[in-house]
C-alpha cells in the first residue's frame, strides 16, 4: 500500500476517535435595524417645514427590526458644521421599547435632553448658515437598558447621553438627510 494512503488513513482514524465538542454559534439575523421617515428618504432632502425656514416642527422618524433584547430607545438629530462643533437639534431618550416611531411635532414620548441651539429640552429646527447643502444625521439607538445619566434632564447633552449608553447600545439605525437654505 502507498505510504501516503497509510498516513491519510491513520489521520482519518485518529480524528474520528477524537472527542468532539459542540460549539455554540451566533446565527446572524436576516433583519437589520433600520430607520425611515414618511417625510423624506435616507440621503434625501429634509423638507423646509422641519427647519427654521418653515414650520419649525420635529420630523417624523420610525424604526423597525430592533435587535433582540431592546428595552429602550434614544433618538438624536445633529449636524457637524465645518467648524467641527456639533449642533444638536433633537435628543430624546427613555423611549419605551413598545414605541417604534416619533411623530411629527413629538413632545410626549420619552424625555428630551437639551439641544445646542437654545439649550432647551425640546426640538429646535436646523437653521444652518452659509451656502450649500448641509448634512443632518438622525440616529436611533436600540438600548438594552434605560440610560443612567446622573444629571438632571435639563443637563442631558448628546455627549452625556452617548457616554451613558456606550455599553448598552445594541444597535443603531441612521438616516442622513440634506437641506439647503433658500
N, C-alpha and C. Protein backbone atom coordinates (compact mmCIF):
# COMPACT_ATOMS: atom_id res chain seq x y z
N UNK A 1 0.85 -1.18 0.00
CA UNK A 1 0.00 0.00 0.00
C UNK A 1 0.89 1.24 0.00
N UNK A 2 0.43 2.26 -0.67
CA UNK A 2 1.14 3.53 -0.80
C UNK A 2 1.30 4.18 0.58
N UNK A 3 2.51 4.66 0.96
CA UNK A 3 2.72 5.27 2.28
C UNK A 3 1.84 6.50 2.52
N UNK A 4 1.53 7.26 1.49
CA UNK A 4 0.67 8.44 1.66
C UNK A 4 -0.74 8.00 2.05
N UNK A 5 -1.24 6.94 1.42
CA UNK A 5 -2.57 6.43 1.76
C UNK A 5 -2.61 5.92 3.19
N UNK A 6 -1.52 5.27 3.64
CA UNK A 6 -1.46 4.76 5.01
C UNK A 6 -1.51 5.93 5.99
N UNK A 7 -0.73 6.97 5.73
CA UNK A 7 -0.73 8.15 6.62
C UNK A 7 -2.11 8.79 6.63
N UNK A 8 -2.73 8.91 5.47
CA UNK A 8 -4.07 9.51 5.38
C UNK A 8 -5.07 8.69 6.18
N UNK A 9 -5.02 7.36 6.08
CA UNK A 9 -5.93 6.50 6.84
C UNK A 9 -5.69 6.63 8.34
N UNK A 10 -4.43 6.73 8.75
CA UNK A 10 -4.12 6.90 10.17
C UNK A 10 -4.67 8.24 10.69
N UNK A 11 -4.52 9.30 9.91
CA UNK A 11 -5.04 10.61 10.33
C UNK A 11 -6.55 10.57 10.44
N UNK A 12 -7.22 9.99 9.45
CA UNK A 12 -8.69 9.89 9.48
C UNK A 12 -9.12 9.06 10.69
N UNK A 13 -8.45 7.96 10.94
CA UNK A 13 -8.79 7.12 12.09
C UNK A 13 -8.58 7.86 13.40
N UNK A 14 -7.48 8.60 13.51
CA UNK A 14 -7.21 9.36 14.72
C UNK A 14 -8.26 10.44 14.94
N UNK A 15 -8.56 11.20 13.90
CA UNK A 15 -9.53 12.29 14.03
C UNK A 15 -10.92 11.76 14.35
N UNK A 16 -11.29 10.62 13.80
CA UNK A 16 -12.63 10.10 14.08
C UNK A 16 -12.76 9.57 15.50
N UNK A 17 -11.63 9.28 16.15
CA UNK A 17 -11.70 8.80 17.53
C UNK A 17 -11.61 9.93 18.55
N UNK A 18 -11.33 11.15 18.08
CA UNK A 18 -11.24 12.30 18.99
C UNK A 18 -12.62 12.70 19.47
N UNK A 19 -12.65 13.21 20.71
CA UNK A 19 -13.89 13.71 21.29
C UNK A 19 -14.27 15.01 20.57
N UNK A 20 -15.53 15.10 20.21
CA UNK A 20 -16.00 16.33 19.58
C UNK A 20 -16.78 17.14 20.58
N UNK A 21 -16.70 18.44 20.43
CA UNK A 21 -17.44 19.35 21.29
C UNK A 21 -18.39 20.16 20.43
N UNK A 22 -19.53 20.47 21.00
CA UNK A 22 -20.46 21.34 20.31
C UNK A 22 -20.11 22.78 20.65
N UNK A 23 -19.97 23.59 19.65
CA UNK A 23 -19.67 24.99 19.86
C UNK A 23 -20.91 25.79 19.51
N UNK A 24 -21.35 26.61 20.46
CA UNK A 24 -22.50 27.47 20.19
C UNK A 24 -22.07 28.55 19.21
N UNK A 25 -22.88 28.74 18.21
CA UNK A 25 -22.59 29.79 17.25
C UNK A 25 -23.73 30.79 17.24
N UNK A 26 -23.39 32.00 16.93
CA UNK A 26 -24.40 33.04 16.80
C UNK A 26 -24.82 33.07 15.34
N UNK A 27 -26.09 32.88 15.11
CA UNK A 27 -26.61 32.92 13.75
C UNK A 27 -27.09 34.33 13.48
N UNK A 28 -26.49 35.01 12.52
CA UNK A 28 -26.92 36.37 12.26
C UNK A 28 -28.36 36.40 11.78
N UNK A 29 -29.07 37.40 12.23
CA UNK A 29 -30.45 37.55 11.81
C UNK A 29 -30.49 38.16 10.41
N UNK A 30 -31.52 37.86 9.67
CA UNK A 30 -31.64 38.44 8.33
C UNK A 30 -32.22 39.84 8.40
N UNK A 31 -32.82 40.18 9.52
CA UNK A 31 -33.37 41.53 9.68
C UNK A 31 -32.27 42.48 10.10
N UNK A 32 -32.38 43.70 9.65
CA UNK A 32 -31.44 44.72 10.09
C UNK A 32 -32.23 45.88 10.66
N UNK A 33 -31.70 46.45 11.71
CA UNK A 33 -32.32 47.58 12.38
C UNK A 33 -32.25 48.77 11.43
N UNK A 34 -33.40 49.30 11.05
CA UNK A 34 -33.44 50.39 10.09
C UNK A 34 -34.35 51.52 10.57
N UNK A 35 -34.06 52.70 10.05
CA UNK A 35 -34.88 53.89 10.32
C UNK A 35 -35.45 54.38 9.00
N UNK A 36 -36.62 55.01 9.09
CA UNK A 36 -37.25 55.57 7.90
C UNK A 36 -38.13 56.74 8.32
N UNK A 37 -38.53 57.52 7.35
CA UNK A 37 -39.41 58.66 7.62
C UNK A 37 -40.47 58.73 6.52
N UNK A 38 -41.67 59.11 6.92
CA UNK A 38 -42.73 59.31 5.93
C UNK A 38 -42.56 60.64 5.21
N UNK A 39 -41.64 61.48 5.67
CA UNK A 39 -41.47 62.82 5.11
C UNK A 39 -40.26 62.96 4.18
N UNK A 40 -39.31 62.03 4.26
CA UNK A 40 -38.10 62.11 3.43
C UNK A 40 -37.44 60.74 3.39
N UNK A 41 -36.50 60.59 2.48
CA UNK A 41 -35.78 59.33 2.35
C UNK A 41 -34.35 59.50 2.86
N UNK A 42 -33.72 58.38 3.16
CA UNK A 42 -32.32 58.42 3.54
C UNK A 42 -31.52 59.00 2.37
N UNK A 43 -30.64 59.92 2.66
CA UNK A 43 -29.83 60.63 1.67
C UNK A 43 -30.67 61.56 0.80
N UNK A 44 -31.91 61.81 1.23
CA UNK A 44 -32.79 62.72 0.51
C UNK A 44 -32.70 64.13 1.06
N UNK A 45 -33.75 64.90 0.81
CA UNK A 45 -33.81 66.29 1.23
C UNK A 45 -34.79 66.47 2.38
N UNK A 46 -34.36 67.17 3.41
CA UNK A 46 -35.21 67.50 4.54
C UNK A 46 -36.20 68.57 4.09
N UNK A 47 -37.51 68.31 4.19
CA UNK A 47 -38.48 69.34 3.81
C UNK A 47 -38.33 70.59 4.69
N UNK A 48 -38.54 71.75 4.09
CA UNK A 48 -38.36 73.03 4.77
C UNK A 48 -39.21 73.15 6.03
N UNK A 49 -40.36 72.47 6.08
CA UNK A 49 -41.24 72.63 7.25
C UNK A 49 -40.59 72.18 8.55
N UNK A 50 -39.51 71.37 8.47
CA UNK A 50 -38.82 70.91 9.67
C UNK A 50 -37.63 71.80 10.03
N UNK A 51 -37.50 72.92 9.33
CA UNK A 51 -36.38 73.85 9.54
C UNK A 51 -36.91 75.21 9.96
N UNK A 52 -35.99 76.12 10.22
CA UNK A 52 -36.38 77.49 10.57
C UNK A 52 -36.98 78.24 9.39
N UNK A 53 -36.85 77.69 8.20
CA UNK A 53 -37.44 78.30 7.01
C UNK A 53 -38.89 77.89 6.81
N UNK A 54 -39.39 77.00 7.66
CA UNK A 54 -40.75 76.50 7.55
C UNK A 54 -41.48 76.59 8.87
N UNK A 55 -42.15 75.50 9.24
CA UNK A 55 -42.97 75.47 10.47
C UNK A 55 -42.17 75.18 11.72
N UNK A 56 -40.90 74.81 11.57
CA UNK A 56 -40.02 74.53 12.72
C UNK A 56 -40.51 73.38 13.60
N UNK A 57 -41.15 72.38 12.99
CA UNK A 57 -41.65 71.23 13.76
C UNK A 57 -40.70 70.05 13.60
N UNK A 58 -40.72 69.15 14.58
CA UNK A 58 -39.83 67.99 14.52
C UNK A 58 -40.30 67.02 13.44
N UNK A 59 -39.36 66.38 12.76
CA UNK A 59 -39.72 65.45 11.70
C UNK A 59 -40.15 64.09 12.25
N UNK A 60 -40.96 63.37 11.47
CA UNK A 60 -41.33 62.02 11.88
C UNK A 60 -40.18 61.05 11.56
N UNK A 61 -39.97 60.10 12.44
CA UNK A 61 -38.98 59.05 12.19
C UNK A 61 -39.50 57.76 12.81
N UNK A 62 -39.34 56.68 12.08
CA UNK A 62 -39.79 55.37 12.55
C UNK A 62 -38.63 54.38 12.43
N UNK A 63 -38.73 53.27 13.14
CA UNK A 63 -37.69 52.25 13.09
C UNK A 63 -38.32 50.88 13.17
N UNK A 64 -37.57 49.89 12.67
CA UNK A 64 -38.07 48.51 12.69
C UNK A 64 -36.90 47.54 12.79
N UNK A 65 -37.27 46.31 13.14
CA UNK A 65 -36.30 45.21 13.27
C UNK A 65 -35.20 45.51 14.28
N UNK A 66 -35.60 46.01 15.44
CA UNK A 66 -34.64 46.29 16.51
C UNK A 66 -33.99 44.99 16.99
N UNK A 67 -32.78 45.08 17.48
CA UNK A 67 -32.10 43.88 17.99
C UNK A 67 -32.85 43.25 19.16
N UNK A 68 -32.73 41.95 19.28
CA UNK A 68 -33.32 41.22 20.41
C UNK A 68 -32.74 41.77 21.70
N UNK A 69 -33.59 41.93 22.70
CA UNK A 69 -33.15 42.43 23.99
C UNK A 69 -33.30 43.93 24.15
N UNK A 70 -33.85 44.61 23.13
CA UNK A 70 -34.03 46.06 23.21
C UNK A 70 -35.06 46.39 24.29
N UNK A 71 -34.67 47.24 25.23
CA UNK A 71 -35.56 47.66 26.32
C UNK A 71 -35.96 49.12 26.21
N UNK A 72 -35.19 49.88 25.43
CA UNK A 72 -35.40 51.32 25.37
C UNK A 72 -34.75 51.86 24.10
N UNK A 73 -35.17 53.05 23.69
CA UNK A 73 -34.57 53.71 22.53
C UNK A 73 -34.16 55.13 22.89
N UNK A 74 -33.26 55.66 22.09
CA UNK A 74 -32.90 57.08 22.13
C UNK A 74 -32.80 57.54 20.69
N UNK A 75 -33.13 58.80 20.44
CA UNK A 75 -33.06 59.37 19.09
C UNK A 75 -32.33 60.70 19.16
N UNK A 76 -31.37 60.88 18.27
CA UNK A 76 -30.62 62.13 18.20
C UNK A 76 -30.63 62.63 16.76
N UNK A 77 -30.87 63.93 16.60
CA UNK A 77 -30.71 64.59 15.30
C UNK A 77 -29.63 65.65 15.48
N UNK A 78 -28.58 65.55 14.67
CA UNK A 78 -27.49 66.52 14.80
C UNK A 78 -26.85 66.83 13.45
N UNK A 79 -25.96 67.78 13.48
CA UNK A 79 -25.25 68.26 12.29
C UNK A 79 -23.85 68.67 12.76
N UNK A 80 -22.85 68.37 11.96
CA UNK A 80 -21.50 68.82 12.30
C UNK A 80 -21.06 69.80 11.21
N UNK A 81 -21.06 71.10 11.54
CA UNK A 81 -20.65 72.11 10.56
C UNK A 81 -19.14 72.08 10.35
N UNK A 82 -18.65 72.81 9.35
CA UNK A 82 -17.21 72.83 9.07
C UNK A 82 -16.35 73.24 10.28
N UNK A 83 -16.93 73.99 11.21
CA UNK A 83 -16.16 74.40 12.39
C UNK A 83 -15.88 73.23 13.32
N UNK A 84 -16.63 72.13 13.15
CA UNK A 84 -16.43 70.95 13.98
C UNK A 84 -17.29 70.88 15.22
N UNK A 85 -17.91 71.99 15.61
CA UNK A 85 -18.80 71.99 16.77
C UNK A 85 -20.12 71.36 16.37
N UNK A 86 -20.50 70.28 17.04
CA UNK A 86 -21.76 69.63 16.65
C UNK A 86 -22.95 70.45 17.12
N UNK A 87 -23.96 70.49 16.28
CA UNK A 87 -25.22 71.14 16.62
C UNK A 87 -26.25 70.05 16.81
N UNK A 88 -26.87 70.02 17.98
CA UNK A 88 -27.87 69.00 18.30
C UNK A 88 -29.24 69.67 18.27
N UNK A 89 -30.14 69.12 17.45
CA UNK A 89 -31.47 69.69 17.27
C UNK A 89 -32.54 68.92 18.04
N UNK A 90 -32.29 67.63 18.21
CA UNK A 90 -33.25 66.80 18.94
C UNK A 90 -32.49 65.69 19.65
N UNK A 91 -32.82 65.49 20.92
CA UNK A 91 -32.21 64.45 21.72
C UNK A 91 -33.32 63.90 22.62
N UNK A 92 -33.78 62.69 22.31
CA UNK A 92 -34.88 62.07 23.07
C UNK A 92 -34.38 60.72 23.57
N UNK A 93 -34.61 60.44 24.83
CA UNK A 93 -34.18 59.17 25.42
C UNK A 93 -35.28 58.62 26.32
N UNK A 94 -35.06 57.43 26.89
CA UNK A 94 -36.08 56.74 27.69
C UNK A 94 -37.36 56.52 26.89
N UNK A 95 -37.19 56.19 25.62
CA UNK A 95 -38.33 55.86 24.78
C UNK A 95 -38.60 54.37 24.99
N UNK A 96 -39.81 54.03 25.35
CA UNK A 96 -40.19 52.65 25.64
C UNK A 96 -39.95 51.74 24.44
N UNK A 97 -39.63 50.48 24.72
CA UNK A 97 -39.43 49.52 23.63
C UNK A 97 -40.73 49.18 22.90
N UNK A 98 -41.86 49.63 23.42
CA UNK A 98 -43.14 49.42 22.73
C UNK A 98 -43.39 50.50 21.68
N UNK A 99 -42.54 51.51 21.64
CA UNK A 99 -42.67 52.62 20.68
C UNK A 99 -41.77 52.32 19.48
N UNK A 100 -42.30 52.56 18.28
CA UNK A 100 -41.50 52.32 17.07
C UNK A 100 -41.43 53.55 16.16
N UNK A 101 -41.82 54.70 16.69
CA UNK A 101 -41.71 55.92 15.88
C UNK A 101 -41.90 57.16 16.75
N UNK A 102 -41.42 58.25 16.22
CA UNK A 102 -41.71 59.57 16.77
C UNK A 102 -42.49 60.29 15.67
N UNK A 103 -43.63 60.81 16.01
CA UNK A 103 -44.45 61.50 15.02
C UNK A 103 -43.96 62.93 14.83
N UNK A 104 -44.48 63.56 13.81
CA UNK A 104 -44.23 64.98 13.61
C UNK A 104 -44.67 65.73 14.86
N UNK A 105 -43.92 66.72 15.28
CA UNK A 105 -44.22 67.53 16.46
C UNK A 105 -44.16 66.73 17.76
N UNK A 106 -43.40 65.66 17.81
CA UNK A 106 -43.31 64.83 19.02
C UNK A 106 -42.89 65.67 20.22
N UNK A 107 -43.62 65.48 21.31
CA UNK A 107 -43.22 66.15 22.56
C UNK A 107 -43.57 65.32 23.78
N UNK A 108 -44.35 64.25 23.60
CA UNK A 108 -44.82 63.49 24.76
C UNK A 108 -44.32 62.04 24.77
N UNK A 109 -43.22 61.76 24.10
CA UNK A 109 -42.65 60.42 24.10
C UNK A 109 -41.24 60.51 24.67
N UNK A 110 -40.93 59.70 25.67
CA UNK A 110 -39.60 59.72 26.26
C UNK A 110 -39.31 61.03 26.96
N UNK A 111 -38.03 61.29 27.16
CA UNK A 111 -37.56 62.53 27.79
C UNK A 111 -36.65 63.26 26.81
N UNK A 112 -36.79 64.57 26.74
CA UNK A 112 -35.94 65.37 25.87
C UNK A 112 -34.73 65.87 26.64
N UNK A 113 -33.55 65.69 26.04
CA UNK A 113 -32.35 66.33 26.54
C UNK A 113 -32.25 67.69 25.88
N UNK A 114 -31.16 68.40 26.14
CA UNK A 114 -31.07 69.76 25.62
C UNK A 114 -30.51 69.80 24.19
N UNK A 115 -31.03 70.74 23.43
CA UNK A 115 -30.47 71.00 22.10
C UNK A 115 -29.36 72.04 22.28
N UNK A 116 -28.49 72.14 21.31
CA UNK A 116 -27.36 73.07 21.45
C UNK A 116 -27.65 74.46 20.87
N UNK A 117 -28.82 74.63 20.28
CA UNK A 117 -29.14 75.92 19.67
C UNK A 117 -29.62 76.92 20.72
N UNK A 118 -30.60 76.49 21.54
CA UNK A 118 -31.11 77.40 22.57
C UNK A 118 -31.03 76.81 23.98
N UNK A 119 -30.46 75.60 24.10
CA UNK A 119 -30.26 75.00 25.42
C UNK A 119 -31.53 74.50 26.09
N UNK A 120 -32.63 74.37 25.33
CA UNK A 120 -33.89 73.92 25.91
C UNK A 120 -34.09 72.43 25.66
N UNK A 121 -34.95 71.83 26.48
CA UNK A 121 -35.26 70.40 26.34
C UNK A 121 -36.44 70.24 25.39
N UNK A 122 -36.16 70.49 24.11
CA UNK A 122 -37.17 70.41 23.07
C UNK A 122 -36.48 70.35 21.71
N UNK A 123 -37.26 70.04 20.69
CA UNK A 123 -36.73 70.09 19.33
C UNK A 123 -36.51 71.55 18.95
N UNK A 124 -35.43 71.80 18.27
CA UNK A 124 -35.21 73.12 17.67
C UNK A 124 -34.84 72.88 16.22
N UNK A 125 -35.36 73.67 15.31
CA UNK A 125 -35.14 73.38 13.89
C UNK A 125 -33.75 73.77 13.40
N UNK A 126 -33.24 73.04 12.42
CA UNK A 126 -31.99 73.44 11.80
C UNK A 126 -32.15 74.81 11.14
N UNK A 127 -31.13 75.62 11.25
CA UNK A 127 -31.14 76.95 10.66
C UNK A 127 -29.69 77.30 10.29
N UNK A 128 -29.03 76.32 9.67
CA UNK A 128 -27.60 76.45 9.39
C UNK A 128 -27.30 77.60 8.46
N UNK A 129 -26.21 78.26 8.74
CA UNK A 129 -25.79 79.42 7.97
C UNK A 129 -24.80 79.00 6.89
N UNK A 130 -24.59 79.87 5.95
CA UNK A 130 -23.61 79.62 4.90
C UNK A 130 -24.22 78.94 3.69
N UNK A 131 -23.51 79.03 2.57
CA UNK A 131 -24.04 78.48 1.33
C UNK A 131 -23.93 76.96 1.27
N UNK A 132 -24.74 76.38 0.41
CA UNK A 132 -24.64 74.95 0.12
C UNK A 132 -25.47 74.07 1.02
N UNK A 133 -25.54 72.81 0.61
CA UNK A 133 -26.31 71.80 1.35
C UNK A 133 -25.60 71.46 2.65
N UNK A 134 -26.38 71.20 3.66
CA UNK A 134 -25.87 70.77 4.97
C UNK A 134 -26.41 69.36 5.22
N UNK A 135 -25.60 68.54 5.85
CA UNK A 135 -25.97 67.16 6.16
C UNK A 135 -26.44 67.07 7.61
N UNK A 136 -27.63 66.50 7.80
CA UNK A 136 -28.19 66.27 9.13
C UNK A 136 -28.30 64.77 9.33
N UNK A 137 -27.98 64.32 10.53
CA UNK A 137 -27.96 62.89 10.84
C UNK A 137 -28.99 62.60 11.92
N UNK A 138 -29.89 61.67 11.63
CA UNK A 138 -30.86 61.19 12.61
C UNK A 138 -30.44 59.76 12.97
N UNK A 139 -30.20 59.52 14.25
CA UNK A 139 -29.76 58.20 14.70
C UNK A 139 -30.70 57.69 15.77
N UNK A 140 -31.16 56.45 15.58
CA UNK A 140 -31.97 55.76 16.59
C UNK A 140 -31.06 54.73 17.24
N UNK A 141 -31.01 54.75 18.57
CA UNK A 141 -30.20 53.81 19.34
C UNK A 141 -31.11 52.80 20.00
N UNK A 142 -30.87 51.51 19.77
CA UNK A 142 -31.58 50.45 20.47
C UNK A 142 -30.74 50.09 21.69
N UNK A 143 -31.36 50.15 22.87
CA UNK A 143 -30.61 50.00 24.12
C UNK A 143 -31.09 48.80 24.92
N UNK A 144 -30.17 48.16 25.61
CA UNK A 144 -30.52 47.02 26.46
C UNK A 144 -31.03 47.47 27.82
N UNK A 145 -30.93 48.76 28.12
CA UNK A 145 -31.42 49.32 29.39
C UNK A 145 -31.62 50.82 29.20
N UNK A 146 -32.44 51.40 30.06
CA UNK A 146 -32.58 52.85 30.03
C UNK A 146 -31.27 53.49 30.50
N UNK A 147 -30.93 54.64 29.96
CA UNK A 147 -29.67 55.29 30.37
C UNK A 147 -29.66 55.69 31.84
N UNK A 148 -28.53 55.53 32.47
CA UNK A 148 -28.31 56.03 33.83
C UNK A 148 -27.42 57.25 33.65
N UNK A 149 -28.01 58.42 33.86
CA UNK A 149 -27.33 59.66 33.48
C UNK A 149 -26.62 60.39 34.61
N UNK A 150 -27.18 60.39 35.79
CA UNK A 150 -26.54 61.07 36.91
C UNK A 150 -26.64 62.58 36.88
N UNK A 151 -27.43 63.12 35.95
CA UNK A 151 -27.66 64.57 35.89
C UNK A 151 -29.15 64.81 35.64
N UNK A 152 -29.59 66.02 35.92
CA UNK A 152 -30.98 66.39 35.69
C UNK A 152 -31.27 66.39 34.19
N UNK A 153 -32.53 66.17 33.84
CA UNK A 153 -32.95 66.17 32.43
C UNK A 153 -32.50 67.45 31.72
N UNK A 154 -32.55 68.56 32.41
CA UNK A 154 -32.19 69.85 31.81
C UNK A 154 -30.69 69.97 31.54
N UNK A 155 -29.91 68.97 31.93
CA UNK A 155 -28.46 68.99 31.73
C UNK A 155 -27.98 67.90 30.77
N UNK A 156 -28.91 67.09 30.25
CA UNK A 156 -28.52 65.96 29.40
C UNK A 156 -28.16 66.46 28.00
N UNK A 157 -26.88 66.34 27.67
CA UNK A 157 -26.37 66.72 26.36
C UNK A 157 -26.15 65.45 25.54
N UNK A 158 -25.83 65.64 24.27
CA UNK A 158 -25.52 64.50 23.41
C UNK A 158 -24.34 63.71 23.96
N UNK A 159 -23.29 64.40 24.39
CA UNK A 159 -22.11 63.72 24.91
C UNK A 159 -22.42 62.93 26.18
N UNK A 160 -23.21 63.51 27.08
CA UNK A 160 -23.58 62.81 28.31
C UNK A 160 -24.40 61.57 27.98
N UNK A 161 -25.37 61.71 27.08
CA UNK A 161 -26.20 60.57 26.71
C UNK A 161 -25.37 59.49 26.04
N UNK A 162 -24.56 59.85 25.06
CA UNK A 162 -23.75 58.85 24.36
C UNK A 162 -22.79 58.13 25.30
N UNK A 163 -22.23 58.84 26.25
CA UNK A 163 -21.35 58.21 27.23
C UNK A 163 -22.13 57.20 28.08
N UNK A 164 -23.35 57.58 28.46
CA UNK A 164 -24.14 56.70 29.34
C UNK A 164 -24.68 55.47 28.62
N UNK A 165 -24.79 55.52 27.29
CA UNK A 165 -25.34 54.36 26.57
C UNK A 165 -24.26 53.57 25.82
N UNK A 166 -23.02 53.94 26.00
CA UNK A 166 -21.94 53.30 25.25
C UNK A 166 -21.87 51.79 25.47
N UNK A 167 -22.24 51.33 26.65
CA UNK A 167 -22.16 49.89 26.95
C UNK A 167 -23.50 49.18 26.82
N UNK A 168 -24.57 49.94 26.55
CA UNK A 168 -25.89 49.32 26.45
C UNK A 168 -26.50 49.45 25.05
N UNK A 169 -25.74 49.98 24.11
CA UNK A 169 -26.24 50.13 22.74
C UNK A 169 -26.14 48.79 22.01
N UNK A 170 -27.30 48.27 21.62
CA UNK A 170 -27.36 47.01 20.89
C UNK A 170 -27.25 47.21 19.38
N UNK A 171 -27.67 48.38 18.93
CA UNK A 171 -27.62 48.67 17.50
C UNK A 171 -28.03 50.10 17.23
N UNK A 172 -27.70 50.58 16.04
CA UNK A 172 -28.11 51.92 15.63
C UNK A 172 -28.72 51.85 14.24
N UNK A 173 -29.68 52.74 14.01
CA UNK A 173 -30.29 52.90 12.69
C UNK A 173 -30.12 54.37 12.34
N UNK A 174 -29.56 54.64 11.18
CA UNK A 174 -29.18 56.01 10.83
C UNK A 174 -29.84 56.46 9.53
N UNK A 175 -30.28 57.71 9.53
CA UNK A 175 -30.75 58.37 8.31
C UNK A 175 -29.95 59.65 8.13
N UNK A 176 -29.45 59.87 6.93
CA UNK A 176 -28.77 61.11 6.58
C UNK A 176 -29.68 61.89 5.65
N UNK A 177 -29.79 63.18 5.89
CA UNK A 177 -30.67 64.00 5.08
C UNK A 177 -30.01 65.36 4.86
N UNK A 178 -30.24 65.93 3.70
CA UNK A 178 -29.62 67.22 3.35
C UNK A 178 -30.66 68.33 3.31
N UNK A 179 -30.17 69.53 3.55
CA UNK A 179 -31.04 70.70 3.40
C UNK A 179 -30.19 71.88 2.95
N UNK A 180 -30.71 72.62 1.99
CA UNK A 180 -30.06 73.84 1.52
C UNK A 180 -31.02 74.99 1.77
N UNK A 181 -30.57 75.97 2.51
CA UNK A 181 -31.43 77.12 2.80
C UNK A 181 -31.68 77.93 1.54
N UNK A 182 -32.89 78.50 1.44
CA UNK A 182 -33.21 79.30 0.25
C UNK A 182 -32.39 80.58 0.18
